[in-house]
Structure formats: C-alpha cells, structure tokens
Amino acid sequence: MGQQPSRKGRVIFYSIVSLLWLVLLALEIAWLILWAPGTWNDGLTAVLAIVGIYGLAIGFFSRSAALADLRDTLEDLTSSDIGRYLIGNLHFLALLSFLVGLGVSPQKTSGQPLALGCLGGFLYLALVPFVFAYAVFHIFVVIVLSYVPVVLASAIVAPIVYSSGDVEISIGQKRVLVSSIVKNDPVATKGFLIGVPALLVSLLSAISAPFISG
C-alpha cells in the first residue's frame, strides 16, 4: 500500500515528461519543415550535427579517467528511460553552471597569479550569458532531438550486453571475447553509435546540398 503513491507519482512524472517531449519534438519538426530558413537539407544537416556532437562528447567523456566519479550521470545521458535521460541532462547542466560559478567566485587559495586571476574572472563573467543561452538551447533542442538516437543506440547495445552467449577470437597472442567490446563500456559504445553515424550523414548531407539545390 505504501508504494502505491510512489508508483502513481512515477506514472504521472513519466507521462508529463513524455508528453512535453512529443510536443517539443513536433514543434521542432514543424519549424524545420515550414519556417526554418534554408532548405530541408540544411535543417537535416544541422540536426544531425547536433546529435553527432552529443554522442561523440559522451563517448569521449566516458573514456576519461577524470570523470569516473560522474559515471552515473554519463549512464543517464544515454539511458532509454526518458526520466533518467532528462535528469542526467539536467545534472550535466548543473555541473556546467557550478564550474562557471567556481570560476567567478572570489574565494581562491593562495598562490594564484594576480594577473591570471583577474583575467580569468573577467572571462568567466563574460561566459555567464553564453552558458545560460546554451542551457536553454540544450534543454529545448539538444535533449529533444537526441532522445530518439539514444533509444536506437540502446536497442542495439542491450541485446549484446545481456547476451548469455559469446564468441572468442584471437588477435596476436591475445584471446578476446567479442561481447567485451560492448560490455566493458556500454556508455561509450552508445555514444559512438550515436555520434559517428550522425556526423557522417551530416557531412554527406552538407556535401550533397549543392547538387540537390542545383
């Protein structure tokens, strides 16, 4: 009985998040088709570039030892669970704002060169409006457009991660399990599955634009 309100709350939360995502996705597709300047090919190139950068960034960050403590957030960024996906992206934006806040903060340890401290403070202050603008862009554009590729990449990775069988191959003196390529870092795998194809298709779209418009 005690878990019933929690379950109901989760259903309401996921319903609201899913509905908002569908509405925003429909609006952005309509804008790209009906109102965006340029051709549909330009819009497609821009969308794929955004998705590609999102995926590759996650792939590279996942391989960084310095970000090992943020593993949960990186997993959420590539989660097919729309609630976790949204929360992970909001955590990312919070971390970005905290970094800028540390740069602006006057509280510093001793030993910082005065000139660099002053210059860095001005640079961080100048970054504040750009970070705010990017946060808005990330919430209303990046999160909305990247979710479908995240789900597709998750659908490709999940069967391998949960597979009970495996294939062993020999590479030189080493014997490698094929599934370990994915299982050792599914987050990076999904990131590259999202990023590499999206950027390749974006590049092909940009190259073919003159021939299509001509």
Protein backbone atom coordinates (compact mmCIF):
# COMPACT_ATOMS: atom_id res chain seq x y z
CA MET A 1 0.00 0.00 0.00
CA GLY A 2 2.82 2.39 0.88
CA GLN A 3 4.38 2.07 -2.56
CA GLN A 4 1.15 2.93 -4.43
CA PRO A 5 1.52 6.77 -4.27
CA SER A 6 5.14 6.45 -5.37
CA ARG A 7 4.15 4.33 -8.35
CA LYS A 8 1.34 6.73 -9.22
CA GLY A 9 3.74 9.64 -8.96
CA ARG A 10 6.20 7.93 -11.31
CA VAL A 11 3.44 7.30 -13.85
CA ILE A 12 2.40 10.96 -13.71
CA PHE A 13 6.03 12.12 -13.98
CA TYR A 14 6.79 9.90 -16.98
CA SER A 15 3.51 10.84 -18.66
CA ILE A 16 4.23 14.56 -18.32
CA VAL A 17 7.84 14.22 -19.48
CA SER A 18 6.85 12.06 -22.47
CA LEU A 19 4.05 14.44 -23.47
CA LEU A 20 6.32 17.50 -23.24
CA TRP A 21 8.98 15.72 -25.31
CA LEU A 22 6.46 14.78 -28.00
CA VAL A 23 5.07 18.32 -28.16
CA LEU A 24 8.53 19.89 -28.40
CA LEU A 25 9.65 17.34 -30.99
CA ALA A 26 6.56 18.02 -33.11
CA LEU A 27 7.12 21.78 -32.87
CA GLU A 28 10.78 21.49 -33.85
CA ILE A 29 10.00 19.22 -36.80
CA ALA A 30 7.30 21.66 -37.94
CA TRP A 31 9.72 24.57 -37.58
CA LEU A 32 12.39 22.77 -39.61
CA ILE A 33 9.93 21.90 -42.38
CA LEU A 34 7.78 25.03 -42.52
CA TRP A 35 9.58 28.03 -41.07
CA ALA A 36 13.34 27.43 -40.85
CA PRO A 37 15.45 29.46 -43.29
CA GLY A 38 17.25 27.48 -45.97
CA THR A 39 16.34 24.13 -47.47
CA TRP A 40 15.22 20.96 -45.69
CA ASN A 41 18.72 19.61 -46.35
CA ASP A 42 20.21 22.45 -44.30
CA GLY A 43 17.89 21.61 -41.42
CA LEU A 44 18.75 17.92 -41.61
CA THR A 45 22.47 18.71 -41.60
CA ALA A 46 22.09 20.91 -38.53
CA VAL A 47 20.03 18.33 -36.62
CA LEU A 48 22.45 15.51 -37.37
CA ALA A 49 25.42 17.68 -36.38
CA ILE A 50 23.80 18.45 -33.01
CA VAL A 51 23.06 14.77 -32.39
CA GLY A 52 26.53 13.75 -33.54
CA ILE A 53 28.32 16.16 -31.23
CA TYR A 54 26.13 15.00 -28.33
CA GLY A 55 27.02 11.35 -28.95
CA LEU A 56 30.74 11.83 -29.53
CA ALA A 57 31.08 14.07 -26.47
CA ILE A 58 29.53 11.36 -24.28
CA GLY A 59 31.79 8.73 -25.85
CA PHE A 60 34.95 10.72 -25.14
CA PHE A 61 33.85 11.78 -21.65
CA SER A 62 33.09 8.14 -20.81
CA ARG A 63 36.70 7.20 -21.54
CA SER A 64 38.08 9.99 -19.33
CA ALA A 65 39.52 8.82 -16.00
CA ALA A 66 38.93 12.31 -14.58
CA LEU A 67 35.16 11.84 -14.99
CA ALA A 68 35.00 8.39 -13.40
CA ASP A 69 33.01 9.80 -10.46
CA LEU A 70 30.35 11.04 -12.90
CA ARG A 71 29.68 7.58 -14.30
CA ASP A 72 26.04 7.58 -13.18
CA THR A 73 25.38 10.88 -14.95
CA LEU A 74 27.00 9.62 -18.15
CA GLU A 75 24.87 6.47 -17.99
CA ASP A 76 21.76 8.62 -17.60
CA LEU A 77 22.73 10.69 -20.64
CA THR A 78 22.50 7.54 -22.77
CA SER A 79 19.56 5.93 -20.97
CA SER A 80 16.48 4.90 -22.94
CA ASP A 81 14.48 5.62 -19.78
CA ILE A 82 13.19 9.10 -20.59
CA GLY A 83 13.08 10.10 -16.92
CA ARG A 84 16.70 9.13 -16.29
CA TYR A 85 17.68 10.72 -19.60
CA LEU A 86 16.11 14.04 -18.63
CA ILE A 87 17.55 14.02 -15.11
CA GLY A 88 21.02 13.14 -16.42
CA ASN A 89 20.96 16.09 -18.82
CA LEU A 90 19.80 18.43 -16.06
CA HIS A 91 22.64 17.17 -13.84
CA PHE A 92 25.07 17.90 -16.69
CA LEU A 93 23.79 21.48 -16.98
CA ALA A 94 24.01 21.89 -13.20
CA LEU A 95 27.64 20.74 -13.24
CA LEU A 96 28.40 23.18 -16.04
CA SER A 97 26.88 26.06 -14.07
CA PHE A 98 28.79 25.02 -10.93
CA LEU A 99 32.07 25.10 -12.86
CA VAL A 100 31.35 28.62 -14.09
CA GLY A 101 30.32 29.59 -10.55
CA LEU A 102 33.66 28.38 -9.20
CA GLY A 103 35.46 30.44 -11.82
CA VAL A 104 33.53 33.58 -10.88
CA SER A 105 33.80 33.03 -7.11
CA PRO A 106 36.26 35.43 -5.38
CA GLN A 107 37.24 32.73 -2.87
CA LYS A 108 40.63 31.40 -4.02
CA THR A 109 43.55 29.62 -2.41
CA SER A 110 46.89 31.40 -2.11
CA GLY A 111 49.39 31.16 -4.94
CA GLN A 112 47.20 32.19 -7.87
CA PRO A 113 48.94 34.77 -10.10
CA LEU A 114 47.11 38.08 -9.76
CA ALA A 115 47.05 38.85 -13.50
CA LEU A 116 45.71 35.41 -14.43
CA GLY A 117 43.17 35.57 -11.61
CA CYS A 118 41.80 38.92 -12.83
CA LEU A 119 41.76 37.85 -16.47
CA GLY A 120 40.13 34.53 -15.63
CA GLY A 121 37.47 36.25 -13.52
CA PHE A 122 36.55 38.58 -16.41
CA LEU A 123 36.47 35.66 -18.85
CA TYR A 124 34.15 33.65 -16.62
CA LEU A 125 31.87 36.65 -16.16
CA ALA A 126 31.75 37.04 -19.94
CA LEU A 127 30.86 33.36 -20.25
CA VAL A 128 27.81 33.57 -17.96
CA PRO A 129 25.29 34.77 -20.60
CA PHE A 130 26.65 32.26 -23.14
CA VAL A 131 26.33 29.41 -20.63
CA PHE A 132 22.76 30.49 -19.87
CA ALA A 133 21.94 30.64 -23.60
CA TYR A 134 23.48 27.22 -24.12
CA ALA A 135 21.49 25.77 -21.21
CA VAL A 136 18.26 26.96 -22.84
CA PHE A 137 19.40 25.55 -26.20
CA HIS A 138 20.37 22.24 -24.59
CA ILE A 139 17.03 21.85 -22.80
CA PHE A 140 14.77 22.74 -25.72
CA VAL A 141 16.82 21.45 -28.67
CA VAL A 142 19.61 19.00 -27.76
CA ILE A 143 17.58 16.96 -25.26
CA VAL A 144 14.58 16.78 -27.58
CA LEU A 145 16.48 15.83 -30.75
CA SER A 146 18.95 13.39 -29.19
CA TYR A 147 16.48 11.14 -27.38
CA VAL A 148 15.43 9.08 -30.42
CA PRO A 149 19.07 8.28 -31.36
CA VAL A 150 19.73 7.38 -27.71
CA VAL A 151 16.84 4.88 -27.78
CA LEU A 152 18.05 3.39 -31.08
CA ALA A 153 21.62 3.04 -29.81
CA SER A 154 20.34 1.47 -26.57
CA ALA A 155 18.32 -1.03 -28.61
CA ILE A 156 21.49 -2.04 -30.47
CA VAL A 157 23.66 -2.31 -27.33
CA ALA A 158 21.20 -4.03 -24.96
CA PRO A 159 20.98 -7.41 -26.77
CA ILE A 160 24.78 -7.74 -26.67
CA VAL A 161 25.13 -6.62 -23.03
CA TYR A 162 22.51 -9.13 -21.90
CA SER A 163 23.53 -11.94 -24.25
CA SER A 164 24.38 -15.22 -22.49
CA GLY A 165 26.45 -16.47 -25.42
CA ASP A 166 29.75 -15.15 -26.73
CA VAL A 167 32.41 -15.58 -29.42
CA GLU A 168 36.14 -15.69 -28.69
CA ILE A 169 38.65 -14.53 -31.28
CA SER A 170 42.46 -14.47 -31.33
CA ILE A 171 44.29 -11.21 -32.00
CA GLY A 172 48.02 -11.89 -31.97
CA GLN A 173 48.77 -13.52 -28.61
CA LYS A 174 45.54 -12.32 -27.04
CA ARG A 175 42.15 -14.00 -26.91
CA VAL A 176 39.26 -11.53 -26.89
CA LEU A 177 35.57 -12.03 -26.21
CA VAL A 178 33.58 -10.18 -28.86
CA SER A 179 30.92 -9.05 -26.38
CA SER A 180 33.59 -7.41 -24.17
CA ILE A 181 33.96 -4.69 -26.81
CA VAL A 182 30.49 -3.50 -25.82
CA LYS A 183 30.15 -4.79 -22.25
CA ASN A 184 33.32 -3.09 -20.97
CA ASP A 185 31.88 0.35 -21.69
CA PRO A 186 28.29 0.40 -22.98
CA VAL A 187 28.06 4.17 -22.41
CA ALA A 188 30.97 4.89 -24.76
CA THR A 189 29.62 2.36 -27.26
CA LYS A 190 26.23 4.07 -27.33
CA GLY A 191 27.89 7.48 -27.55
CA PHE A 192 29.90 6.49 -30.61
CA LEU A 193 26.91 4.69 -32.17
CA ILE A 194 25.00 7.96 -31.86
CA GLY A 195 27.79 10.33 -32.82
CA VAL A 196 29.71 8.72 -35.67
CA PRO A 197 26.78 7.86 -37.99
CA ALA A 198 25.07 11.20 -37.29
CA LEU A 199 28.17 13.22 -38.15
CA LEU A 200 28.90 11.11 -41.24
CA VAL A 201 25.36 11.55 -42.57
CA SER A 202 25.52 15.26 -41.67
CA LEU A 203 28.75 15.57 -43.67
CA LEU A 204 27.25 13.70 -46.63
CA SER A 205 24.17 15.92 -46.41
CA ALA A 206 26.29 19.06 -46.48
CA ILE A 207 28.37 17.77 -49.42
CA SER A 208 25.29 16.80 -51.43
CA ALA A 209 23.46 20.09 -50.74
CA PRO A 210 24.81 21.95 -53.83
CA PHE A 211 23.82 19.07 -56.12
CA ILE A 212 20.34 18.78 -54.57
CA SER A 213 19.67 22.55 -54.71
CA GLY A 214 21.07 22.69 -58.21
